[in-house]
Amino acid sequence: MLSLWQEVFKPHSKIKRLGQLKGKKHSEAAYLAGRHSRVEEVLRLFRIFIEFLRGTRALHRIGPAVTVFGSARFNEGHPYYELGLQVGKALAEAGYTVITGGGPGIMEAANRGAQAVGGKSIGCTIALPREQNPNRYLDQVINFYYFFVRKVMLVKYSYAFIILPGGLGTLDEMSEAITLIQTGKLYDFPVILMGKDYWNGFSNWLQDTVIQAGATTKAELHFVHFTDDPQEAVKLIKKATEGIGLNLIALNSTPK
């Protein structure tokens, strides 16, 4: 109880990793494992509120942004890392802030690409059982403890979502964005899957299984796109954002 109280009132303190807890339950795992005393539940809810408050304050003035999702396991020299680099550059040059999960791999590539051309680069990192250090190409880092708070922040400030090759975490983030849009909980912002060969199986499954079975329709997924061209991705995003009256100033434009 005391440790939970300390966690609530020291939100900026370093968060213990699972491997350092010496047999004790990880706080988020304990929270999601069932009910606890009413005092514990209220304290955790207060801590969750603090995380939402810190996130909204930190991200309030970042400007029009696009979130880039992708694996932490594709490092420099990998074709998908290079794709992430080009995506980050293209987005920043068009005037968008680039948001990622702040970690290594493709996240690093997108942040690096944005910084390379003078764009804004933001990382929303997460405390994990295995240390996830922020990459070195971030103008601003916001660290989260609860996965679901972090996912809300990655969605809330974005006008589009670019999904680069990744694993189960990327799949989770992608499906959440698609579900929010499909159910009308989020505007019809583009969800753009890049790395067409990588996502080919997913595309076929949607067409040949999900749509064929009637679990969804092609019309409901009109906002989902597949491309390997960063410039095409930017055009799709600009078309959507201009449709809601958002005017951007490109980095390579000359002020009048």
C-alpha atoms as a PDB file:
ATOM      1  CA  MET A   1       0.000   0.000   0.000  1.00  0.00           C
ATOM      2  CA  LEU A   2       2.802   2.419   0.940  1.00  0.00           C
ATOM      3  CA  SER A   3       4.713   1.730  -2.280  1.00  0.00           C
ATOM      4  CA  LEU A   4       1.580   2.395  -4.342  1.00  0.00           C
ATOM      5  CA  TRP A   5       0.998   5.650  -2.472  1.00  0.00           C
ATOM      6  CA  GLN A   6       4.593   6.683  -3.221  1.00  0.00           C
ATOM      7  CA  GLU A   7       4.162   5.802  -6.900  1.00  0.00           C
ATOM      8  CA  VAL A   8       1.080   8.023  -7.138  1.00  0.00           C
ATOM      9  CA  PHE A   9       2.709  11.051  -5.584  1.00  0.00           C
ATOM     10  CA  LYS A  10       6.068  10.664  -7.328  1.00  0.00           C
ATOM     11  CA  PRO A  11       4.974  10.305 -10.975  1.00  0.00           C
ATOM     12  CA  HIS A  12       8.331  11.605 -12.254  1.00  0.00           C
ATOM     13  CA  SER A  13      10.401   9.113 -10.280  1.00  0.00           C
ATOM     14  CA  LYS A  14      12.159   6.244 -12.024  1.00  0.00           C
ATOM     15  CA  ILE A  15       9.790   3.299 -12.398  1.00  0.00           C
ATOM     16  CA  LYS A  16      10.986  -0.099 -11.238  1.00  0.00           C
ATOM     17  CA  ARG A  17      11.305  -2.769 -13.871  1.00  0.00           C
ATOM     18  CA  LEU A  18       9.751  -6.208 -13.487  1.00  0.00           C
ATOM     19  CA  GLY A  19      13.136  -7.862 -13.113  1.00  0.00           C
ATOM     20  CA  GLN A  20      13.911  -5.626 -10.131  1.00  0.00           C
ATOM     21  CA  LEU A  21      10.757  -6.378  -8.180  1.00  0.00           C
ATOM     22  CA  LYS A  22      12.109  -9.587  -6.588  1.00  0.00           C
ATOM     23  CA  GLY A  23       8.963 -11.651  -6.853  1.00  0.00           C
ATOM     24  CA  LYS A  24       6.500  -8.823  -6.252  1.00  0.00           C
ATOM     25  CA  LYS A  25       3.743  -8.287  -8.772  1.00  0.00           C
ATOM     26  CA  HIS A  26       4.280  -5.718 -11.480  1.00  0.00           C
ATOM     27  CA  SER A  27       1.963  -2.806 -10.674  1.00  0.00           C
ATOM     28  CA  GLU A  28       0.115  -2.757 -14.020  1.00  0.00           C
ATOM     29  CA  ALA A  29      -0.200  -6.552 -14.012  1.00  0.00           C
ATOM     30  CA  ALA A  30      -1.633  -6.391 -10.505  1.00  0.00           C
ATOM     31  CA  TYR A  31      -4.089  -3.679 -11.550  1.00  0.00           C
ATOM     32  CA  LEU A  32      -5.363  -5.747 -14.490  1.00  0.00           C
ATOM     33  CA  ALA A  33      -5.486  -9.020 -12.559  1.00  0.00           C
ATOM     34  CA  GLY A  34      -8.769  -8.368 -10.780  1.00  0.00           C
ATOM     35  CA  ARG A  35     -10.255  -6.334  -8.000  1.00  0.00           C
ATOM     36  CA  HIS A  36      -8.340  -4.951  -5.027  1.00  0.00           C
ATOM     37  CA  SER A  37      -9.261  -2.942  -1.970  1.00  0.00           C
ATOM     38  CA  ARG A  38     -11.211   0.218  -2.671  1.00  0.00           C
ATOM     39  CA  VAL A  39      -8.351   2.354  -1.403  1.00  0.00           C
ATOM     40  CA  GLU A  40      -5.888   0.663  -3.776  1.00  0.00           C
ATOM     41  CA  GLU A  41      -8.256   1.038  -6.703  1.00  0.00           C
ATOM     42  CA  VAL A  42      -8.754   4.747  -6.039  1.00  0.00           C
ATOM     43  CA  LEU A  43      -5.007   5.335  -5.668  1.00  0.00           C
ATOM     44  CA  ARG A  44      -4.319   3.603  -8.967  1.00  0.00           C
ATOM     45  CA  LEU A  45      -7.062   5.579 -10.680  1.00  0.00           C
ATOM     46  CA  PHE A  46      -5.458   8.741  -9.361  1.00  0.00           C
ATOM     47  CA  ARG A  47      -2.097   7.679 -10.744  1.00  0.00           C
ATOM     48  CA  ILE A  48      -3.717   6.948 -14.123  1.00  0.00           C
ATOM     49  CA  PHE A  49      -5.253  10.433 -14.046  1.00  0.00           C
ATOM     50  CA  ILE A  50      -1.807  11.921 -13.393  1.00  0.00           C
ATOM     51  CA  GLU A  51      -0.402  10.074 -16.414  1.00  0.00           C
ATOM     52  CA  PHE A  52      -3.190  11.418 -18.621  1.00  0.00           C
ATOM     53  CA  LEU A  53      -2.600  14.917 -17.220  1.00  0.00           C
ATOM     54  CA  ARG A  54       1.157  14.777 -17.840  1.00  0.00           C
ATOM     55  CA  GLY A  55       0.615  13.441 -21.359  1.00  0.00           C
ATOM     56  CA  THR A  56      -1.900  16.093 -22.381  1.00  0.00           C
ATOM     57  CA  ARG A  57       0.225  18.901 -20.948  1.00  0.00           C
ATOM     58  CA  ALA A  58       3.357  17.661 -22.694  1.00  0.00           C
ATOM     59  CA  LEU A  59       1.733  17.139 -26.094  1.00  0.00           C
ATOM     60  CA  HIS A  60      -0.686  20.056 -26.150  1.00  0.00           C
ATOM     61  CA  ARG A  61       1.473  22.330 -28.328  1.00  0.00           C
ATOM     62  CA  ILE A  62       3.266  19.891 -30.644  1.00  0.00           C
ATOM     63  CA  GLY A  63       1.298  20.941 -33.743  1.00  0.00           C
ATOM     64  CA  PRO A  64      -0.298  18.730 -36.401  1.00  0.00           C
ATOM     65  CA  ALA A  65       1.208  15.272 -36.002  1.00  0.00           C
ATOM     66  CA  VAL A  66       1.334  11.816 -37.537  1.00  0.00           C
ATOM     67  CA  THR A  67       2.085   8.708 -35.491  1.00  0.00           C
ATOM     68  CA  VAL A  68       4.441   6.125 -36.953  1.00  0.00           C
ATOM     69  CA  PHE A  69       4.248   2.589 -35.566  1.00  0.00           C
ATOM     70  CA  GLY A  70       6.786  -0.161 -36.219  1.00  0.00           C
ATOM     71  CA  SER A  71       9.088  -2.766 -34.734  1.00  0.00           C
ATOM     72  CA  ALA A  72      11.937  -2.039 -32.351  1.00  0.00           C
ATOM     73  CA  ARG A  73      13.863  -4.971 -33.870  1.00  0.00           C
ATOM     74  CA  PHE A  74      14.758  -3.694 -37.347  1.00  0.00           C
ATOM     75  CA  ASN A  75      17.995  -1.797 -36.888  1.00  0.00           C
ATOM     76  CA  GLU A  76      20.064   0.523 -39.045  1.00  0.00           C
ATOM     77  CA  GLY A  77      20.992  -1.127 -42.325  1.00  0.00           C
ATOM     78  CA  HIS A  78      17.730  -3.058 -42.609  1.00  0.00           C
ATOM     79  CA  PRO A  79      15.473  -2.088 -45.561  1.00  0.00           C
ATOM     80  CA  TYR A  80      12.565  -1.401 -43.200  1.00  0.00           C
ATOM     81  CA  TYR A  81      14.744   0.938 -41.117  1.00  0.00           C
ATOM     82  CA  GLU A  82      15.577   2.831 -44.287  1.00  0.00           C
ATOM     83  CA  LEU A  83      11.873   3.019 -45.153  1.00  0.00           C
ATOM     84  CA  GLY A  84      11.162   4.450 -41.701  1.00  0.00           C
ATOM     85  CA  LEU A  85      13.891   7.037 -42.237  1.00  0.00           C
ATOM     86  CA  GLN A  86      12.343   8.169 -45.521  1.00  0.00           C
ATOM     87  CA  VAL A  87       8.865   8.266 -43.975  1.00  0.00           C
ATOM     88  CA  GLY A  88      10.072  10.497 -41.129  1.00  0.00           C
ATOM     89  CA  LYS A  89      11.743  12.873 -43.601  1.00  0.00           C
ATOM     90  CA  ALA A  90       8.704  13.073 -45.885  1.00  0.00           C
ATOM     91  CA  LEU A  91       6.320  13.780 -43.004  1.00  0.00           C
ATOM     92  CA  ALA A  92       8.530  16.467 -41.487  1.00  0.00           C
ATOM     93  CA  GLU A  93       9.111  18.154 -44.843  1.00  0.00           C
ATOM     94  CA  ALA A  94       5.347  18.358 -45.306  1.00  0.00           C
ATOM     95  CA  GLY A  95       5.002  20.132 -41.943  1.00  0.00           C
ATOM     96  CA  TYR A  96       3.917  17.295 -39.650  1.00  0.00           C
ATOM     97  CA  THR A  97       5.336  16.486 -36.242  1.00  0.00           C
ATOM     98  CA  VAL A  98       6.460  12.850 -36.112  1.00  0.00           C
ATOM     99  CA  ILE A  99       5.366  10.846 -33.061  1.00  0.00           C
ATOM    100  CA  THR A 100       6.605   7.334 -32.314  1.00  0.00           C
ATOM    101  CA  GLY A 101       6.853   5.019 -29.335  1.00  0.00           C
ATOM    102  CA  GLY A 102      10.300   6.519 -28.802  1.00  0.00           C
ATOM    103  CA  GLY A 103      12.241   3.267 -28.845  1.00  0.00           C
ATOM    104  CA  PRO A 104      14.840   1.759 -31.185  1.00  0.00           C
ATOM    105  CA  GLY A 105      14.398   0.184 -34.627  1.00  0.00           C
ATOM    106  CA  ILE A 106      11.778   1.659 -36.924  1.00  0.00           C
ATOM    107  CA  MET A 107      10.688   4.140 -34.252  1.00  0.00           C
ATOM    108  CA  GLU A 108      14.225   5.487 -34.142  1.00  0.00           C
ATOM    109  CA  ALA A 109      14.353   5.615 -37.941  1.00  0.00           C
ATOM    110  CA  ALA A 110      11.204   7.759 -38.216  1.00  0.00           C
ATOM    111  CA  ASN A 111      12.375  10.134 -35.476  1.00  0.00           C
ATOM    112  CA  ARG A 112      15.816  10.319 -37.060  1.00  0.00           C
ATOM    113  CA  GLY A 113      14.359  11.126 -40.469  1.00  0.00           C
ATOM    114  CA  ALA A 114      12.257  13.941 -39.014  1.00  0.00           C
ATOM    115  CA  GLN A 115      15.192  15.471 -37.167  1.00  0.00           C
ATOM    116  CA  ALA A 116      17.454  15.192 -40.213  1.00  0.00           C
ATOM    117  CA  VAL A 117      15.359  17.742 -42.106  1.00  0.00           C
ATOM    118  CA  GLY A 118      14.643  20.000 -39.133  1.00  0.00           C
ATOM    119  CA  GLY A 119      11.208  18.628 -38.236  1.00  0.00           C
ATOM    120  CA  LYS A 120       9.717  17.967 -34.800  1.00  0.00           C
ATOM    121  CA  SER A 121      10.372  14.525 -33.330  1.00  0.00           C
ATOM    122  CA  ILE A 122       8.407  13.217 -30.327  1.00  0.00           C
ATOM    123  CA  GLY A 123       8.682   9.927 -28.403  1.00  0.00           C
ATOM    124  CA  CYS A 124       6.053   8.403 -26.110  1.00  0.00           C
ATOM    125  CA  THR A 125       8.057   5.734 -24.314  1.00  0.00           C
ATOM    126  CA  ILE A 126       6.829   2.968 -22.035  1.00  0.00           C
ATOM    127  CA  ALA A 127       8.289   1.344 -18.932  1.00  0.00           C
ATOM    128  CA  LEU A 128       8.719  -2.347 -19.768  1.00  0.00           C
ATOM    129  CA  PRO A 129      10.046  -5.408 -17.901  1.00  0.00           C
ATOM    130  CA  ARG A 130      13.061  -5.159 -20.225  1.00  0.00           C
ATOM    131  CA  GLU A 131      14.475  -1.651 -20.340  1.00  0.00           C
ATOM    132  CA  GLN A 132      13.367   0.410 -23.342  1.00  0.00           C
ATOM    133  CA  ASN A 133      15.623   3.416 -23.620  1.00  0.00           C
ATOM    134  CA  PRO A 134      14.495   6.412 -25.671  1.00  0.00           C
ATOM    135  CA  ASN A 135      16.300   6.738 -28.979  1.00  0.00           C
ATOM    136  CA  ARG A 136      18.658   9.694 -29.468  1.00  0.00           C
ATOM    137  CA  TYR A 137      16.647  11.443 -32.165  1.00  0.00           C
ATOM    138  CA  LEU A 138      13.919  12.940 -29.982  1.00  0.00           C
ATOM    139  CA  ASP A 139      13.158  16.585 -29.307  1.00  0.00           C
ATOM    140  CA  GLN A 140      10.762  15.612 -26.531  1.00  0.00           C
ATOM    141  CA  VAL A 141      10.250  12.416 -24.527  1.00  0.00           C
ATOM    142  CA  ILE A 142       7.159  11.554 -22.497  1.00  0.00           C
ATOM    143  CA  ASN A 143       7.474   8.368 -20.441  1.00  0.00           C
ATOM    144  CA  PHE A 144       4.365   6.336 -19.588  1.00  0.00           C
ATOM    145  CA  TYR A 145       3.765   3.473 -17.208  1.00  0.00           C
ATOM    146  CA  TYR A 146       0.374   2.234 -18.392  1.00  0.00           C
ATOM    147  CA  PHE A 147       0.142   0.919 -21.936  1.00  0.00           C
ATOM    148  CA  PHE A 148      -3.440   2.071 -22.430  1.00  0.00           C
ATOM    149  CA  VAL A 149      -2.626   5.659 -21.415  1.00  0.00           C
ATOM    150  CA  ARG A 150       0.269   5.710 -23.864  1.00  0.00           C
ATOM    151  CA  LYS A 151      -1.928   4.374 -26.678  1.00  0.00           C
ATOM    152  CA  VAL A 152      -4.482   7.117 -26.094  1.00  0.00           C
ATOM    153  CA  MET A 153      -1.733   9.734 -26.365  1.00  0.00           C
ATOM    154  CA  LEU A 154      -0.374   8.189 -29.570  1.00  0.00           C
ATOM    155  CA  VAL A 155      -3.860   8.390 -31.098  1.00  0.00           C
ATOM    156  CA  LYS A 156      -5.188  11.651 -29.647  1.00  0.00           C
ATOM    157  CA  TYR A 157      -2.705  14.035 -31.257  1.00  0.00           C
ATOM    158  CA  SER A 158      -2.417  12.407 -34.691  1.00  0.00           C
ATOM    159  CA  TYR A 159      -4.117  13.110 -37.999  1.00  0.00           C
ATOM    160  CA  ALA A 160      -2.967   9.810 -39.528  1.00  0.00           C
ATOM    161  CA  PHE A 161      -1.256   6.559 -38.626  1.00  0.00           C
ATOM    162  CA  ILE A 162       1.573   5.002 -40.590  1.00  0.00           C
ATOM    163  CA  ILE A 163       2.075   1.324 -39.875  1.00  0.00           C
ATOM    164  CA  LEU A 164       5.529   0.049 -40.782  1.00  0.00           C
ATOM    165  CA  PRO A 165       6.516  -3.628 -40.379  1.00  0.00           C
ATOM    166  CA  GLY A 166       6.336  -4.825 -36.802  1.00  0.00           C
ATOM    167  CA  GLY A 167       5.243  -7.551 -34.425  1.00  0.00           C
ATOM    168  CA  LEU A 168       2.351  -8.056 -32.041  1.00  0.00           C
ATOM    169  CA  GLY A 169       2.696  -4.621 -30.451  1.00  0.00           C
ATOM    170  CA  THR A 170       2.460  -2.941 -33.846  1.00  0.00           C
ATOM    171  CA  LEU A 171      -0.486  -5.161 -34.748  1.00  0.00           C
ATOM    172  CA  ASP A 172      -2.226  -4.142 -31.520  1.00  0.00           C
ATOM    173  CA  GLU A 173      -1.689  -0.439 -32.198  1.00  0.00           C
ATOM    174  CA  MET A 174      -2.837  -0.762 -35.794  1.00  0.00           C
ATOM    175  CA  SER A 175      -5.997  -2.704 -34.942  1.00  0.00           C
ATOM    176  CA  GLU A 176      -6.890  -0.218 -32.208  1.00  0.00           C
ATOM    177  CA  ALA A 177      -6.641   2.721 -34.626  1.00  0.00           C
ATOM    178  CA  ILE A 178      -8.685   0.882 -37.264  1.00  0.00           C
ATOM    179  CA  THR A 179     -11.348  -0.110 -34.726  1.00  0.00           C
ATOM    180  CA  LEU A 180     -11.701   3.440 -33.384  1.00  0.00           C
ATOM    181  CA  ILE A 181     -12.206   4.787 -36.902  1.00  0.00           C
ATOM    182  CA  GLN A 182     -14.518   1.971 -38.029  1.00  0.00           C
ATOM    183  CA  THR A 183     -16.773   2.440 -34.999  1.00  0.00           C
ATOM    184  CA  GLY A 184     -16.922   6.231 -35.341  1.00  0.00           C
ATOM    185  CA  LYS A 185     -14.906   6.947 -32.189  1.00  0.00           C
ATOM    186  CA  LEU A 186     -12.284   8.679 -34.324  1.00  0.00           C
ATOM    187  CA  TYR A 187     -12.467  10.675 -37.553  1.00  0.00           C
ATOM    188  CA  ASP A 188     -11.681   8.907 -40.834  1.00  0.00           C
ATOM    189  CA  PHE A 189      -7.965   9.607 -40.653  1.00  0.00           C
ATOM    190  CA  PRO A 190      -5.788   7.498 -42.969  1.00  0.00           C
ATOM    191  CA  VAL A 191      -4.254   4.274 -41.675  1.00  0.00           C
ATOM    192  CA  ILE A 192      -1.391   3.590 -44.058  1.00  0.00           C
ATOM    193  CA  LEU A 193       0.408   0.251 -44.047  1.00  0.00           C
ATOM    194  CA  MET A 194       3.881   0.493 -45.558  1.00  0.00           C
ATOM    195  CA  GLY A 195       6.014  -2.456 -46.560  1.00  0.00           C
ATOM    196  CA  LYS A 196       3.460  -4.069 -48.871  1.00  0.00           C
ATOM    197  CA  ASP A 197       5.252  -7.425 -49.037  1.00  0.00           C
ATOM    198  CA  TYR A 198       5.291  -7.618 -45.238  1.00  0.00           C
ATOM    199  CA  TRP A 199       1.577  -6.808 -44.916  1.00  0.00           C
ATOM    200  CA  ASN A 200       0.476  -8.876 -47.908  1.00  0.00           C
ATOM    201  CA  GLY A 201      -0.815 -11.710 -45.733  1.00  0.00           C
ATOM    202  CA  PHE A 202      -2.834  -9.289 -43.624  1.00  0.00           C
ATOM    203  CA  SER A 203      -4.292  -7.666 -46.751  1.00  0.00           C
ATOM    204  CA  ASN A 204      -5.280 -11.058 -48.156  1.00  0.00           C
ATOM    205  CA  TRP A 205      -6.831 -12.103 -44.852  1.00  0.00           C
ATOM    206  CA  LEU A 206      -8.955  -8.952 -44.775  1.00  0.00           C
ATOM    207  CA  GLN A 207     -10.138  -9.438 -48.358  1.00  0.00           C
ATOM    208  CA  ASP A 208     -10.501 -13.215 -48.513  1.00  0.00           C
ATOM    209  CA  THR A 209     -11.616 -14.025 -44.980  1.00  0.00           C
ATOM    210  CA  VAL A 210     -12.937 -11.083 -42.965  1.00  0.00           C
ATOM    211  CA  ILE A 211     -14.805  -9.283 -45.756  1.00  0.00           C
ATOM    212  CA  GLN A 212     -15.916 -12.519 -47.429  1.00  0.00           C
ATOM    213  CA  ALA A 213     -17.343 -13.760 -44.139  1.00  0.00           C
ATOM    214  CA  GLY A 214     -19.271 -10.532 -43.643  1.00  0.00           C
ATOM    215  CA  ALA A 215     -17.443  -9.503 -40.464  1.00  0.00           C
ATOM    216  CA  THR A 216     -16.753  -6.123 -42.110  1.00  0.00           C
ATOM    217  CA  THR A 217     -17.139  -4.516 -45.523  1.00  0.00           C
ATOM    218  CA  LYS A 218     -14.725  -2.941 -47.962  1.00  0.00           C
ATOM    219  CA  ALA A 219     -16.544   0.370 -47.595  1.00  0.00           C
ATOM    220  CA  GLU A 220     -15.992   0.351 -43.822  1.00  0.00           C
ATOM    221  CA  LEU A 221     -12.241   0.098 -44.390  1.00  0.00           C
ATOM    222  CA  HIS A 222     -11.969   2.830 -47.028  1.00  0.00           C
ATOM    223  CA  PHE A 223      -9.431   4.672 -44.865  1.00  0.00           C
ATOM    224  CA  VAL A 224      -6.936   1.762 -44.883  1.00  0.00           C
ATOM    225  CA  HIS A 225      -4.231   2.100 -47.533  1.00  0.00           C
ATOM    226  CA  PHE A 226      -1.197   0.084 -48.660  1.00  0.00           C
ATOM    227  CA  THR A 227       1.851   1.720 -50.230  1.00  0.00           C
ATOM    228  CA  ASP A 228       5.647   1.651 -50.229  1.00  0.00           C
ATOM    229  CA  ASP A 229       6.012   5.274 -51.354  1.00  0.00           C
ATOM    230  CA  PRO A 230       6.492   7.873 -48.564  1.00  0.00           C
ATOM    231  CA  GLN A 231       5.383  10.664 -50.891  1.00  0.00           C
ATOM    232  CA  GLU A 232       2.154   8.849 -51.708  1.00  0.00           C
ATOM    233  CA  ALA A 233       1.568   8.397 -47.979  1.00  0.00           C
ATOM    234  CA  VAL A 234       2.020  12.126 -47.431  1.00  0.00           C
ATOM    235  CA  LYS A 235      -0.422  12.908 -50.247  1.00  0.00           C
ATOM    236  CA  LEU A 236      -3.051  10.653 -48.655  1.00  0.00           C
ATOM    237  CA  ILE A 237      -2.560  12.374 -45.311  1.00  0.00           C
ATOM    238  CA  LYS A 238      -2.633  15.894 -46.767  1.00  0.00           C
ATOM    239  CA  LYS A 239      -5.845  15.124 -48.640  1.00  0.00           C
ATOM    240  CA  ALA A 240      -7.488  14.022 -45.400  1.00  0.00           C
ATOM    241  CA  THR A 241      -6.203  16.910 -43.297  1.00  0.00           C
ATOM    242  CA  GLU A 242      -7.009  19.544 -45.912  1.00  0.00           C
ATOM    243  CA  GLY A 243     -10.536  18.125 -45.964  1.00  0.00           C
ATOM    244  CA  ILE A 244     -10.955  19.232 -42.348  1.00  0.00           C
ATOM    245  CA  GLY A 245      -9.410  22.640 -42.965  1.00  0.00           C
ATOM    246  CA  LEU A 246      -5.874  22.025 -41.697  1.00  0.00           C
ATOM    247  CA  ASN A 247      -3.306  24.129 -43.532  1.00  0.00           C
ATOM    248  CA  LEU A 248       0.331  23.173 -43.044  1.00  0.00           C
ATOM    249  CA  ILE A 249       3.541  25.099 -43.639  1.00  0.00           C
ATOM    250  CA  ALA A 250       6.031  22.811 -45.341  1.00  0.00           C
ATOM    251  CA  LEU A 251       9.630  22.988 -44.119  1.00  0.00           C
ATOM    252  CA  ASN A 252      10.937  23.641 -47.616  1.00  0.00           C
ATOM    253  CA  SER A 253       8.481  26.471 -48.351  1.00  0.00           C
ATOM    254  CA  THR A 254       9.538  30.103 -48.540  1.00  0.00           C
ATOM    255  CA  PRO A 255       7.599  32.523 -46.299  1.00  0.00           C
ATOM    256  CA  LYS A 256       5.707  35.184 -48.271  1.00  0.00           C
END
